Amino acid sequence: MRLFRILGFVLLFCSVAVLAKDNKLGIREVGRVTFDTQVRVGEAVLPAGEYVVRHTMEGQEHIMVFQKVIGKQEFKAKCTLVALPRKADRDQTILETETNKPPVLRELVFGGDTAKHVF
C-alpha cells in the first residue's frame, strides 16, 4: 500500500511538472483564428479563412505558424510576447487598416492566456 502511495505522488508531481513546462510563457501553444478577409501578417498575406495557430521557437525568436484548416497552406511570422495585466477573458484580434490594402494583424490574444502576441 505504501508503494502505491509513493507511486501516486511521483505521478502527480510529474504531471504538474509537465503542465507547468508547457505553459511557462503564459500562453497556449495552439489556438484558432478566423479572418473574414485576407490579412497581412509580417511579410505574408493570408487568404481569408480559418487557421490553426501554433506558437513555436526558432532559437530565441518567437514564431507564429498559421496553418489554413482547408487547403493546408502554412505561413510564418515573428512575434513578441507582451505580458497582460491579467488573464485574457476572451480571444481578441487587433487589425490595422489602410485604404486599398489588406488589414495588418498587429496583436493576437487567446482567452485564458497571460500574454499577447504582437506582430
PDB file of N, CA and C in Angstrom:
ATOM      1  N   MET A   1       0.820  -1.196   0.000  1.00  0.00           N
ATOM      2  CA  MET A   1       0.000   0.000   0.000  1.00  0.00           C
ATOM      3  C   MET A   1       0.869   1.268   0.000  1.00  0.00           C
ATOM      4  N   ARG A   2       1.927   1.222   0.756  1.00  0.00           N
ATOM      5  CA  ARG A   2       2.834   2.365   0.827  1.00  0.00           C
ATOM      6  C   ARG A   2       3.479   2.631  -0.544  1.00  0.00           C
ATOM      7  N   LEU A   3       3.804   1.554  -1.270  1.00  0.00           N
ATOM      8  CA  LEU A   3       4.401   1.685  -2.599  1.00  0.00           C
ATOM      9  C   LEU A   3       3.443   2.400  -3.557  1.00  0.00           C
ATOM     10  N   PHE A   4       2.163   2.061  -3.492  1.00  0.00           N
ATOM     11  CA  PHE A   4       1.168   2.714  -4.358  1.00  0.00           C
ATOM     12  C   PHE A   4       1.039   4.203  -4.030  1.00  0.00           C
ATOM     13  N   ARG A   5       1.116   4.547  -2.762  1.00  0.00           N
ATOM     14  CA  ARG A   5       1.033   5.944  -2.346  1.00  0.00           C
ATOM     15  C   ARG A   5       2.233   6.725  -2.894  1.00  0.00           C
ATOM     16  N   ILE A   6       3.412   6.154  -2.784  1.00  0.00           N
ATOM     17  CA  ILE A   6       4.622   6.806  -3.296  1.00  0.00           C
ATOM     18  C   ILE A   6       4.533   6.960  -4.810  1.00  0.00           C
ATOM     19  N   LEU A   7       4.106   5.919  -5.513  1.00  0.00           N
ATOM     20  CA  LEU A   7       3.949   5.992  -6.962  1.00  0.00           C
ATOM     21  C   LEU A   7       2.921   7.052  -7.354  1.00  0.00           C
ATOM     22  N   GLY A   8       1.871   7.159  -6.569  1.00  0.00           N
ATOM     23  CA  GLY A   8       0.844   8.174  -6.825  1.00  0.00           C
ATOM     24  C   GLY A   8       1.399   9.583  -6.720  1.00  0.00           C
ATOM     25  N   PHE A   9       2.201   9.833  -5.668  1.00  0.00           N
ATOM     26  CA  PHE A   9       2.822  11.148  -5.512  1.00  0.00           C
ATOM     27  C   PHE A   9       3.798  11.445  -6.646  1.00  0.00           C
ATOM     28  N   VAL A  10       4.566  10.456  -7.055  1.00  0.00           N
ATOM     29  CA  VAL A  10       5.509  10.646  -8.154  1.00  0.00           C
ATOM     30  C   VAL A  10       4.760  10.976  -9.439  1.00  0.00           C
ATOM     31  N   LEU A  11       3.689  10.257  -9.719  1.00  0.00           N
ATOM     32  CA  LEU A  11       2.884  10.508 -10.912  1.00  0.00           C
ATOM     33  C   LEU A  11       2.267  11.907 -10.866  1.00  0.00           C
ATOM     34  N   LEU A  12       1.757  12.305  -9.731  1.00  0.00           N
ATOM     35  CA  LEU A  12       1.172  13.637  -9.577  1.00  0.00           C
ATOM     36  C   LEU A  12       2.228  14.719  -9.800  1.00  0.00           C
ATOM     37  N   PHE A  13       3.402  14.550  -9.209  1.00  0.00           N
ATOM     38  CA  PHE A  13       4.484  15.522  -9.367  1.00  0.00           C
ATOM     39  C   PHE A  13       4.894  15.649 -10.835  1.00  0.00           C
ATOM     40  N   CYS A  14       5.038  14.519 -11.516  1.00  0.00           N
ATOM     41  CA  CYS A  14       5.430  14.538 -12.936  1.00  0.00           C
ATOM     42  C   CYS A  14       4.374  15.228 -13.788  1.00  0.00           C
ATOM     43  N   SER A  15       3.108  14.980 -13.507  1.00  0.00           N
ATOM     44  CA  SER A  15       2.024  15.608 -14.266  1.00  0.00           C
ATOM     45  C   SER A  15       2.041  17.119 -14.097  1.00  0.00           C
ATOM     46  N   VAL A  16       2.205  17.582 -12.868  1.00  0.00           N
ATOM     47  CA  VAL A  16       2.249  19.022 -12.602  1.00  0.00           C
ATOM     48  C   VAL A  16       3.461  19.646 -13.288  1.00  0.00           C
ATOM     49  N   ALA A  17       4.606  18.973 -13.242  1.00  0.00           N
ATOM     50  CA  ALA A  17       5.817  19.495 -13.878  1.00  0.00           C
ATOM     51  C   ALA A  17       5.634  19.630 -15.386  1.00  0.00           C
ATOM     52  N   VAL A  18       5.006  18.647 -16.016  1.00  0.00           N
ATOM     53  CA  VAL A  18       4.782  18.698 -17.464  1.00  0.00           C
ATOM     54  C   VAL A  18       3.831  19.831 -17.817  1.00  0.00           C
ATOM     55  N   LEU A  19       2.753  19.991 -17.061  1.00  0.00           N
ATOM     56  CA  LEU A  19       1.807  21.067 -17.332  1.00  0.00           C
ATOM     57  C   LEU A  19       2.440  22.439 -17.128  1.00  0.00           C
ATOM     58  N   ALA A  20       3.254  22.596 -16.109  1.00  0.00           N
ATOM     59  CA  ALA A  20       3.909  23.879 -15.853  1.00  0.00           C
ATOM     60  C   ALA A  20       4.901  24.203 -16.962  1.00  0.00           C
ATOM     61  N   LYS A  21       5.618  23.215 -17.447  1.00  0.00           N
ATOM     62  CA  LYS A  21       6.585  23.430 -18.524  1.00  0.00           C
ATOM     63  C   LYS A  21       5.888  23.895 -19.789  1.00  0.00           C
ATOM     64  N   ASP A  22       4.746  23.309 -20.117  1.00  0.00           N
ATOM     65  CA  ASP A  22       4.032  23.644 -21.341  1.00  0.00           C
ATOM     66  C   ASP A  22       3.502  25.075 -21.333  1.00  0.00           C
ATOM     67  N   ASN A  23       3.228  25.646 -20.172  1.00  0.00           N
ATOM     68  CA  ASN A  23       2.622  26.964 -20.117  1.00  0.00           C
ATOM     69  C   ASN A  23       3.517  27.976 -19.405  1.00  0.00           C
ATOM     70  N   LYS A  24       4.826  27.802 -19.460  1.00  0.00           N
ATOM     71  CA  LYS A  24       5.726  28.698 -18.742  1.00  0.00           C
ATOM     72  C   LYS A  24       5.703  30.119 -19.289  1.00  0.00           C
ATOM     73  N   LEU A  25       5.284  30.309 -20.537  1.00  0.00           N
ATOM     74  CA  LEU A  25       5.218  31.636 -21.134  1.00  0.00           C
ATOM     75  C   LEU A  25       3.868  32.306 -20.899  1.00  0.00           C
ATOM     76  N   GLY A  26       2.938  31.599 -20.302  1.00  0.00           N
ATOM     77  CA  GLY A  26       1.617  32.158 -20.055  1.00  0.00           C
ATOM     78  C   GLY A  26       0.695  32.096 -21.258  1.00  0.00           C
ATOM     79  N   ILE A  27       1.038  31.248 -22.227  1.00  0.00           N
ATOM     80  CA  ILE A  27       0.230  31.144 -23.440  1.00  0.00           C
ATOM     81  C   ILE A  27      -0.031  29.688 -23.783  1.00  0.00           C
ATOM     82  N   ARG A  28      -1.108  29.491 -24.524  1.00  0.00           N
ATOM     83  CA  ARG A  28      -1.351  28.168 -25.106  1.00  0.00           C
ATOM     84  C   ARG A  28      -0.496  28.054 -26.354  1.00  0.00           C
ATOM     85  N   GLU A  29      -0.002  26.884 -26.613  1.00  0.00           N
ATOM     86  CA  GLU A  29       0.838  26.703 -27.797  1.00  0.00           C
ATOM     87  C   GLU A  29       0.020  26.618 -29.079  1.00  0.00           C
ATOM     88  N   VAL A  30      -1.262  26.226 -28.975  1.00  0.00           N
ATOM     89  CA  VAL A  30      -2.106  26.072 -30.160  1.00  0.00           C
ATOM     90  C   VAL A  30      -3.421  26.805 -29.935  1.00  0.00           C
ATOM     91  N   GLY A  31      -3.849  27.554 -30.960  1.00  0.00           N
ATOM     92  CA  GLY A  31      -5.124  28.242 -30.915  1.00  0.00           C
ATOM     93  C   GLY A  31      -5.748  28.244 -32.298  1.00  0.00           C
ATOM     94  N   ARG A  32      -6.873  28.900 -32.436  1.00  0.00           N
ATOM     95  CA  ARG A  32      -7.560  29.020 -33.726  1.00  0.00           C
ATOM     96  C   ARG A  32      -7.966  30.471 -33.918  1.00  0.00           C
ATOM     97  N   VAL A  33      -7.931  30.895 -35.181  1.00  0.00           N
ATOM     98  CA  VAL A  33      -8.375  32.241 -35.523  1.00  0.00           C
ATOM     99  C   VAL A  33      -9.003  32.184 -36.914  1.00  0.00           C
ATOM    100  N   THR A  34     -10.003  33.034 -37.129  1.00  0.00           N
ATOM    101  CA  THR A  34     -10.671  33.121 -38.428  1.00  0.00           C
ATOM    102  C   THR A  34     -10.578  34.554 -38.925  1.00  0.00           C
ATOM    103  N   PHE A  35     -10.184  34.704 -40.188  1.00  0.00           N
ATOM    104  CA  PHE A  35     -10.129  36.016 -40.830  1.00  0.00           C
ATOM    105  C   PHE A  35     -11.206  36.052 -41.909  1.00  0.00           C
ATOM    106  N   ASP A  36     -12.039  37.108 -41.899  1.00  0.00           N
ATOM    107  CA  ASP A  36     -13.116  37.250 -42.880  1.00  0.00           C
ATOM    108  C   ASP A  36     -12.601  37.746 -44.225  1.00  0.00           C
ATOM    109  N   THR A  37     -11.451  38.418 -44.221  1.00  0.00           N
ATOM    110  CA  THR A  37     -10.819  38.900 -45.437  1.00  0.00           C
ATOM    111  C   THR A  37      -9.342  38.513 -45.390  1.00  0.00           C
ATOM    112  N   GLN A  38      -8.644  38.719 -46.512  1.00  0.00           N
ATOM    113  CA  GLN A  38      -7.206  38.450 -46.462  1.00  0.00           C
ATOM    114  C   GLN A  38      -6.558  39.428 -45.484  1.00  0.00           C
ATOM    115  N   VAL A  39      -5.487  38.956 -44.817  1.00  0.00           N
ATOM    116  CA  VAL A  39      -4.827  39.735 -43.774  1.00  0.00           C
ATOM    117  C   VAL A  39      -3.324  39.613 -43.956  1.00  0.00           C
ATOM    118  N   ARG A  40      -2.623  40.717 -43.768  1.00  0.00           N
ATOM    119  CA  ARG A  40      -1.157  40.678 -43.819  1.00  0.00           C
ATOM    120  C   ARG A  40      -0.629  40.449 -42.412  1.00  0.00           C
ATOM    121  N   VAL A  41       0.263  39.460 -42.295  1.00  0.00           N
ATOM    122  CA  VAL A  41       0.931  39.159 -41.031  1.00  0.00           C
ATOM    123  C   VAL A  41       2.422  39.130 -41.334  1.00  0.00           C
ATOM    124  N   GLY A  42       3.150  40.085 -40.829  1.00  0.00           N
ATOM    125  CA  GLY A  42       4.566  40.180 -41.187  1.00  0.00           C
ATOM    126  C   GLY A  42       4.686  40.431 -42.684  1.00  0.00           C
ATOM    127  N   GLU A  43       5.444  39.587 -43.368  1.00  0.00           N
ATOM    128  CA  GLU A  43       5.627  39.717 -44.816  1.00  0.00           C
ATOM    129  C   GLU A  43       4.589  38.925 -45.621  1.00  0.00           C
ATOM    130  N   ALA A  44       3.837  38.069 -44.955  1.00  0.00           N
ATOM    131  CA  ALA A  44       2.894  37.179 -45.649  1.00  0.00           C
ATOM    132  C   ALA A  44       1.495  37.788 -45.705  1.00  0.00           C
ATOM    133  N   VAL A  45       0.783  37.480 -46.791  1.00  0.00           N
ATOM    134  CA  VAL A  45      -0.632  37.844 -46.902  1.00  0.00           C
ATOM    135  C   VAL A  45      -1.421  36.547 -46.833  1.00  0.00           C
ATOM    136  N   LEU A  46      -2.221  36.420 -45.762  1.00  0.00           N
ATOM    137  CA  LEU A  46      -3.002  35.211 -45.536  1.00  0.00           C
ATOM    138  C   LEU A  46      -4.367  35.360 -46.189  1.00  0.00           C
ATOM    139  N   PRO A  47      -4.809  34.358 -46.960  1.00  0.00           N
ATOM    140  CA  PRO A  47      -6.161  34.394 -47.514  1.00  0.00           C
ATOM    141  C   PRO A  47      -7.199  34.305 -46.390  1.00  0.00           C
ATOM    142  N   ALA A  48      -8.387  34.795 -46.662  1.00  0.00           N
ATOM    143  CA  ALA A  48      -9.473  34.678 -45.685  1.00  0.00           C
ATOM    144  C   ALA A  48      -9.697  33.208 -45.359  1.00  0.00           C
ATOM    145  N   GLY A  49     -10.088  32.930 -44.118  1.00  0.00           N
ATOM    146  CA  GLY A  49     -10.390  31.563 -43.722  1.00  0.00           C
ATOM    147  C   GLY A  49     -10.031  31.285 -42.279  1.00  0.00           C
ATOM    148  N   GLU A  50     -10.175  30.017 -41.897  1.00  0.00           N
ATOM    149  CA  GLU A  50      -9.893  29.580 -40.536  1.00  0.00           C
ATOM    150  C   GLU A  50      -8.488  28.989 -40.474  1.00  0.00           C
ATOM    151  N   TYR A  51      -7.771  29.330 -39.392  1.00  0.00           N
ATOM    152  CA  TYR A  51      -6.387  28.895 -39.226  1.00  0.00           C
ATOM    153  C   TYR A  51      -6.174  28.260 -37.853  1.00  0.00           C
ATOM    154  N   VAL A  52      -5.336  27.230 -37.826  1.00  0.00           N
ATOM    155  CA  VAL A  52      -4.788  26.718 -36.580  1.00  0.00           C
ATOM    156  C   VAL A  52      -3.487  27.476 -36.394  1.00  0.00           C
ATOM    157  N   VAL A  53      -3.300  28.064 -35.217  1.00  0.00           N
ATOM    158  CA  VAL A  53      -2.134  28.902 -34.957  1.00  0.00           C
ATOM    159  C   VAL A  53      -1.286  28.229 -33.887  1.00  0.00           C
ATOM    160  N   ARG A  54       0.001  28.036 -34.194  1.00  0.00           N
ATOM    161  CA  ARG A  54       0.928  27.413 -33.251  1.00  0.00           C
ATOM    162  C   ARG A  54       2.041  28.393 -32.909  1.00  0.00           C
ATOM    163  N   HIS A  55       2.314  28.508 -31.616  1.00  0.00           N
ATOM    164  CA  HIS A  55       3.447  29.316 -31.164  1.00  0.00           C
ATOM    165  C   HIS A  55       4.652  28.395 -31.076  1.00  0.00           C
ATOM    166  N   THR A  56       5.725  28.744 -31.772  1.00  0.00           N
ATOM    167  CA  THR A  56       6.939  27.934 -31.746  1.00  0.00           C
ATOM    168  C   THR A  56       8.132  28.850 -31.475  1.00  0.00           C
ATOM    169  N   MET A  57       9.257  28.218 -31.236  1.00  0.00           N
ATOM    170  CA  MET A  57      10.507  28.956 -31.039  1.00  0.00           C
ATOM    171  C   MET A  57      11.498  28.508 -32.093  1.00  0.00           C
ATOM    172  N   GLU A  58      12.204  29.457 -32.680  1.00  0.00           N
ATOM    173  CA  GLU A  58      13.324  29.175 -33.567  1.00  0.00           C
ATOM    174  C   GLU A  58      14.511  29.899 -32.960  1.00  0.00           C
ATOM    175  N   GLY A  59      15.303  29.155 -32.191  1.00  0.00           N
ATOM    176  CA  GLY A  59      16.362  29.777 -31.404  1.00  0.00           C
ATOM    177  C   GLY A  59      15.722  30.620 -30.327  1.00  0.00           C
ATOM    178  N   GLN A  60      16.031  31.911 -30.302  1.00  0.00           N
ATOM    179  CA  GLN A  60      15.452  32.829 -29.313  1.00  0.00           C
ATOM    180  C   GLN A  60      14.253  33.605 -29.860  1.00  0.00           C
ATOM    181  N   GLU A  61      13.893  33.359 -31.118  1.00  0.00           N
ATOM    182  CA  GLU A  61      12.792  34.099 -31.740  1.00  0.00           C
ATOM    183  C   GLU A  61      11.467  33.366 -31.561  1.00  0.00           C
ATOM    184  N   HIS A  62      10.432  34.144 -31.254  1.00  0.00           N
ATOM    185  CA  HIS A  62       9.072  33.617 -31.165  1.00  0.00           C
ATOM    186  C   HIS A  62       8.471  33.655 -32.565  1.00  0.00           C
ATOM    187  N   ILE A  63       7.917  32.526 -32.990  1.00  0.00           N
ATOM    188  CA  ILE A  63       7.337  32.412 -34.329  1.00  0.00           C
ATOM    189  C   ILE A  63       5.905  31.912 -34.196  1.00  0.00           C
ATOM    190  N   MET A  64       4.995  32.561 -34.920  1.00  0.00           N
ATOM    191  CA  MET A  64       3.617  32.080 -35.007  1.00  0.00           C
ATOM    192  C   MET A  64       3.462  31.418 -36.371  1.00  0.00           C
ATOM    193  N   VAL A  65       2.970  30.182 -36.359  1.00  0.00           N
ATOM    194  CA  VAL A  65       2.741  29.432 -37.590  1.00  0.00           C
ATOM    195  C   VAL A  65       1.232  29.373 -37.803  1.00  0.00           C
ATOM    196  N   PHE A  66       0.769  29.939 -38.911  1.00  0.00           N
ATOM    197  CA  PHE A  66      -0.644  29.943 -39.271  1.00  0.00           C
ATOM    198  C   PHE A  66      -0.845  28.860 -40.325  1.00  0.00           C
ATOM    199  N   GLN A  67      -1.628  27.825 -39.992  1.00  0.00           N
ATOM    200  CA  GLN A  67      -1.895  26.750 -40.942  1.00  0.00           C
ATOM    201  C   GLN A  67      -3.377  26.782 -41.288  1.00  0.00           C
ATOM    202  N   LYS A  68      -3.668  26.989 -42.568  1.00  0.00           N
ATOM    203  CA  LYS A  68      -5.062  27.069 -43.023  1.00  0.00           C
ATOM    204  C   LYS A  68      -5.728  25.721 -42.829  1.00  0.00           C
ATOM    205  N   VAL A  69      -6.913  25.718 -42.226  1.00  0.00           N
ATOM    206  CA  VAL A  69      -7.628  24.475 -41.950  1.00  0.00           C
ATOM    207  C   VAL A  69      -8.010  23.790 -43.254  1.00  0.00           C
ATOM    208  N   ILE A  70      -8.535  24.554 -44.220  1.00  0.00           N
ATOM    209  CA  ILE A  70      -8.875  23.998 -45.528  1.00  0.00           C
ATOM    210  C   ILE A  70      -7.806  24.473 -46.509  1.00  0.00           C
ATOM    211  N   GLY A  71      -7.103  23.542 -47.110  1.00  0.00           N
ATOM    212  CA  GLY A  71      -6.053  23.896 -48.052  1.00  0.00           C
ATOM    213  C   GLY A  71      -4.660  23.652 -47.509  1.00  0.00           C
ATOM    214  N   LYS A  72      -4.524  23.609 -46.199  1.00  0.00           N
ATOM    215  CA  LYS A  72      -3.263  23.286 -45.523  1.00  0.00           C
ATOM    216  C   LYS A  72      -2.104  24.205 -45.874  1.00  0.00           C
ATOM    217  N   GLN A  73      -2.386  25.427 -46.350  1.00  0.00           N
ATOM    218  CA  GLN A  73      -1.314  26.390 -46.571  1.00  0.00           C
ATOM    219  C   GLN A  73      -0.737  26.778 -45.215  1.00  0.00           C
ATOM    220  N   GLU A  74       0.568  27.099 -45.180  1.00  0.00           N
ATOM    221  CA  GLU A  74       1.218  27.454 -43.930  1.00  0.00           C
ATOM    222  C   GLU A  74       1.994  28.751 -44.093  1.00  0.00           C
ATOM    223  N   PHE A  75       1.853  29.638 -43.101  1.00  0.00           N
ATOM    224  CA  PHE A  75       2.518  30.935 -43.113  1.00  0.00           C
ATOM    225  C   PHE A  75       3.181  31.133 -41.756  1.00  0.00           C
ATOM    226  N   LYS A  76       4.358  31.771 -41.750  1.00  0.00           N
ATOM    227  CA  LYS A  76       5.076  32.036 -40.511  1.00  0.00           C
ATOM    228  C   LYS A  76       5.302  33.529 -40.342  1.00  0.00           C
ATOM    229  N   ALA A  77       5.260  33.972 -39.074  1.00  0.00           N
ATOM    230  CA  ALA A  77       5.530  35.376 -38.765  1.00  0.00           C
ATOM    231  C   ALA A  77       6.175  35.468 -37.393  1.00  0.00           C
ATOM    232  N   LYS A  78       7.155  36.358 -37.261  1.00  0.00           N
ATOM    233  CA  LYS A  78       7.786  36.606 -35.965  1.00  0.00           C
ATOM    234  C   LYS A  78       6.816  37.385 -35.091  1.00  0.00           C
ATOM    235  N   CYS A  79       6.868  37.113 -33.794  1.00  0.00           N
ATOM    236  CA  CYS A  79       6.039  37.863 -32.862  1.00  0.00           C
ATOM    237  C   CYS A  79       6.830  38.142 -31.591  1.00  0.00           C
ATOM    238  N   THR A  80       6.289  39.040 -30.796  1.00  0.00           N
ATOM    239  CA  THR A  80       6.842  39.355 -29.488  1.00  0.00           C
ATOM    240  C   THR A  80       5.752  39.097 -28.471  1.00  0.00           C
ATOM    241  N   LEU A  81       6.098  38.443 -27.369  1.00  0.00           N
ATOM    242  CA  LEU A  81       5.137  38.234 -26.301  1.00  0.00           C
ATOM    243  C   LEU A  81       5.166  39.433 -25.365  1.00  0.00           C
ATOM    244  N   VAL A  82       3.981  39.946 -25.050  1.00  0.00           N
ATOM    245  CA  VAL A  82       3.850  41.067 -24.132  1.00  0.00           C
ATOM    246  C   VAL A  82       2.892  40.643 -23.026  1.00  0.00           C
ATOM    247  N   ALA A  83       3.347  40.753 -21.794  1.00  0.00           N
ATOM    248  CA  ALA A  83       2.526  40.343 -20.649  1.00  0.00           C
ATOM    249  C   ALA A  83       1.262  41.194 -20.559  1.00  0.00           C
ATOM    250  N   LEU A  84       0.166  40.535 -20.214  1.00  0.00           N
ATOM    251  CA  LEU A  84      -1.103  41.226 -19.998  1.00  0.00           C
ATOM    252  C   LEU A  84      -1.243  41.527 -18.504  1.00  0.00           C
ATOM    253  N   PRO A  85      -1.988  42.562 -18.142  1.00  0.00           N
ATOM    254  CA  PRO A  85      -2.158  42.876 -16.716  1.00  0.00           C
ATOM    255  C   PRO A  85      -2.923  41.789 -15.955  1.00  0.00           C
ATOM    256  N   ARG A  86      -3.753  41.043 -16.687  1.00  0.00           N
ATOM    257  CA  ARG A  86      -4.485  39.912 -16.089  1.00  0.00           C
ATOM    258  C   ARG A  86      -4.794  38.918 -17.195  1.00  0.00           C
ATOM    259  N   LYS A  87      -5.240  37.757 -16.808  1.00  0.00           N
ATOM    260  CA  LYS A  87      -5.557  36.703 -17.774  1.00  0.00           C
ATOM    261  C   LYS A  87      -6.647  37.179 -18.729  1.00  0.00           C
ATOM    262  N   ALA A  88      -6.449  36.954 -20.027  1.00  0.00           N
ATOM    263  CA  ALA A  88      -7.432  37.367 -21.036  1.00  0.00           C
ATOM    264  C   ALA A  88      -8.714  36.572 -20.875  1.00  0.00           C
ATOM    265  N   ASP A  89      -9.844  37.252 -20.895  1.00  0.00           N
ATOM    266  CA  ASP A  89     -11.118  36.560 -20.727  1.00  0.00           C
ATOM    267  C   ASP A  89     -11.734  36.102 -22.050  1.00  0.00           C
ATOM    268  N   ARG A  90     -11.153  36.559 -23.186  1.00  0.00           N
ATOM    269  CA  ARG A  90     -11.680  36.155 -24.492  1.00  0.00           C
ATOM    270  C   ARG A  90     -10.597  36.310 -25.554  1.00  0.00           C
ATOM    271  N   ASP A  91     -10.838  35.690 -26.708  1.00  0.00           N
ATOM    272  CA  ASP A  91      -9.939  35.860 -27.847  1.00  0.00           C
ATOM    273  C   ASP A  91     -10.109  37.269 -28.395  1.00  0.00           C
ATOM    274  N   GLN A  92      -9.008  37.830 -28.909  1.00  0.00           N
ATOM    275  CA  GLN A  92      -9.075  39.179 -29.471  1.00  0.00           C
ATOM    276  C   GLN A  92      -8.071  39.287 -30.609  1.00  0.00           C
ATOM    277  N   THR A  93      -8.500  39.895 -31.709  1.00  0.00           N
ATOM    278  CA  THR A  93      -7.654  40.124 -32.869  1.00  0.00           C
ATOM    279  C   THR A  93      -7.644  41.621 -33.149  1.00  0.00           C
ATOM    280  N   ILE A  94      -6.446  42.219 -33.141  1.00  0.00           N
ATOM    281  CA  ILE A  94      -6.312  43.653 -33.396  1.00  0.00           C
ATOM    282  C   ILE A  94      -5.726  43.830 -34.800  1.00  0.00           C
ATOM    283  N   LEU A  95      -6.502  44.467 -35.663  1.00  0.00           N
ATOM    284  CA  LEU A  95      -6.076  44.712 -37.044  1.00  0.00           C
ATOM    285  C   LEU A  95      -5.913  46.205 -37.273  1.00  0.00           C
ATOM    286  N   GLU A  96      -4.931  46.558 -38.098  1.00  0.00           N
ATOM    287  CA  GLU A  96      -4.734  47.949 -38.525  1.00  0.00           C
ATOM    288  C   GLU A  96      -5.143  48.013 -39.988  1.00  0.00           C
ATOM    289  N   THR A  97      -5.992  48.965 -40.329  1.00  0.00           N
ATOM    290  CA  THR A  97      -6.471  49.049 -41.707  1.00  0.00           C
ATOM    291  C   THR A  97      -5.918  50.275 -42.415  1.00  0.00           C
ATOM    292  N   GLU A  98      -5.651  50.088 -43.705  1.00  0.00           N
ATOM    293  CA  GLU A  98      -5.221  51.176 -44.581  1.00  0.00           C
ATOM    294  C   GLU A  98      -6.078  51.107 -45.837  1.00  0.00           C
ATOM    295  N   THR A  99      -6.329  52.236 -46.452  1.00  0.00           N
ATOM    296  CA  THR A  99      -7.133  52.280 -47.662  1.00  0.00           C
ATOM    297  C   THR A  99      -6.471  51.481 -48.780  1.00  0.00           C
ATOM    298  N   ASN A 100      -7.279  50.660 -49.452  1.00  0.00           N
ATOM    299  CA  ASN A 100      -6.850  49.864 -50.611  1.00  0.00           C
ATOM    300  C   ASN A 100      -5.724  48.863 -50.313  1.00  0.00           C
ATOM    301  N   LYS A 101      -5.560  48.480 -49.064  1.00  0.00           N
ATOM    302  CA  LYS A 101      -4.562  47.470 -48.697  1.00  0.00           C
ATOM    303  C   LYS A 101      -5.211  46.480 -47.744  1.00  0.00           C
ATOM    304  N   PRO A 102      -4.690  45.235 -47.718  1.00  0.00           N
ATOM    305  CA  PRO A 102      -5.247  44.280 -46.756  1.00  0.00           C
ATOM    306  C   PRO A 102      -4.963  44.740 -45.322  1.00  0.00           C
ATOM    307  N   PRO A 103      -5.876  44.467 -44.392  1.00  0.00           N
ATOM    308  CA  PRO A 103      -5.616  44.804 -42.995  1.00  0.00           C
ATOM    309  C   PRO A 103      -4.335  44.104 -42.518  1.00  0.00           C
ATOM    310  N   VAL A 104      -3.661  44.723 -41.540  1.00  0.00           N
ATOM    311  CA  VAL A 104      -2.430  44.178 -40.980  1.00  0.00           C
ATOM    312  C   VAL A 104      -2.710  43.688 -39.565  1.00  0.00           C
ATOM    313  N   LEU A 105      -2.365  42.423 -39.279  1.00  0.00           N
ATOM    314  CA  LEU A 105      -2.533  41.880 -37.939  1.00  0.00           C
ATOM    315  C   LEU A 105      -1.469  42.481 -37.035  1.00  0.00           C
ATOM    316  N   ARG A 106      -1.889  43.159 -35.969  1.00  0.00           N
ATOM    317  CA  ARG A 106      -0.958  43.784 -35.027  1.00  0.00           C
ATOM    318  C   ARG A 106      -0.851  42.998 -33.721  1.00  0.00           C
ATOM    319  N   GLU A 107      -1.993  42.471 -33.226  1.00  0.00           N
ATOM    320  CA  GLU A 107      -1.986  41.738 -31.965  1.00  0.00           C
ATOM    321  C   GLU A 107      -2.956  40.578 -32.038  1.00  0.00           C
ATOM    322  N   LEU A 108      -2.605  39.527 -31.316  1.00  0.00           N
ATOM    323  CA  LEU A 108      -3.455  38.343 -31.226  1.00  0.00           C
ATOM    324  C   LEU A 108      -3.453  37.884 -29.772  1.00  0.00           C
ATOM    325  N   VAL A 109      -4.643  37.766 -29.194  1.00  0.00           N
ATOM    326  CA  VAL A 109      -4.794  37.346 -27.805  1.00  0.00           C
ATOM    327  C   VAL A 109      -5.743  36.151 -27.778  1.00  0.00           C
ATOM    328  N   PHE A 110      -5.358  35.136 -27.030  1.00  0.00           N
ATOM    329  CA  PHE A 110      -6.229  33.970 -26.855  1.00  0.00           C
ATOM    330  C   PHE A 110      -6.740  33.965 -25.420  1.00  0.00           C
ATOM    331  N   GLY A 111      -8.056  33.753 -25.260  1.00  0.00           N
ATOM    332  CA  GLY A 111      -8.659  33.705 -23.949  1.00  0.00           C
ATOM    333  C   GLY A 111      -7.950  32.722 -23.039  1.00  0.00           C
ATOM    334  N   GLY A 112      -7.691  33.159 -21.799  1.00  0.00           N
ATOM    335  CA  GLY A 112      -7.016  32.313 -20.825  1.00  0.00           C
ATOM    336  C   GLY A 112      -5.512  32.539 -20.765  1.00  0.00           C
ATOM    337  N   ASP A 113      -4.944  33.204 -21.775  1.00  0.00           N
ATOM    338  CA  ASP A 113      -3.505  33.480 -21.783  1.00  0.00           C
ATOM    339  C   ASP A 113      -3.187  34.692 -20.917  1.00  0.00           C
ATOM    340  N   THR A 114      -1.937  34.772 -20.457  1.00  0.00           N
ATOM    341  CA  THR A 114      -1.497  35.915 -19.667  1.00  0.00           C
ATOM    342  C   THR A 114      -0.503  36.786 -20.447  1.00  0.00           C
ATOM    343  N   ALA A 115      -0.373  36.517 -21.739  1.00  0.00           N
ATOM    344  CA  ALA A 115       0.471  37.329 -22.626  1.00  0.00           C
ATOM    345  C   ALA A 115      -0.202  37.406 -23.995  1.00  0.00           C
ATOM    346  N   LYS A 116       0.102  38.482 -24.722  1.00  0.00           N
ATOM    347  CA  LYS A 116      -0.440  38.641 -26.074  1.00  0.00           C
ATOM    348  C   LYS A 116       0.701  38.547 -27.067  1.00  0.00           C
ATOM    349  N   HIS A 117       0.359  38.210 -28.320  1.00  0.00           N
ATOM    350  CA  HIS A 117       1.310  38.135 -29.405  1.00  0.00           C
ATOM    351  C   HIS A 117       1.240  39.433 -30.188  1.00  0.00           C
ATOM    352  N   VAL A 118       2.367  40.137 -30.309  1.00  0.00           N
ATOM    353  CA  VAL A 118       2.418  41.415 -31.010  1.00  0.00           C
ATOM    354  C   VAL A 118       3.284  41.223 -32.252  1.00  0.00           C
ATOM    355  N   PHE A 119       2.761  41.658 -33.412  1.00  0.00           N
ATOM    356  CA  PHE A 119       3.464  41.482 -34.686  1.00  0.00           C
ATOM    357  C   PHE A 119       4.016  42.799 -35.187  1.00  0.00           C
TER     358      PHE A 119
END
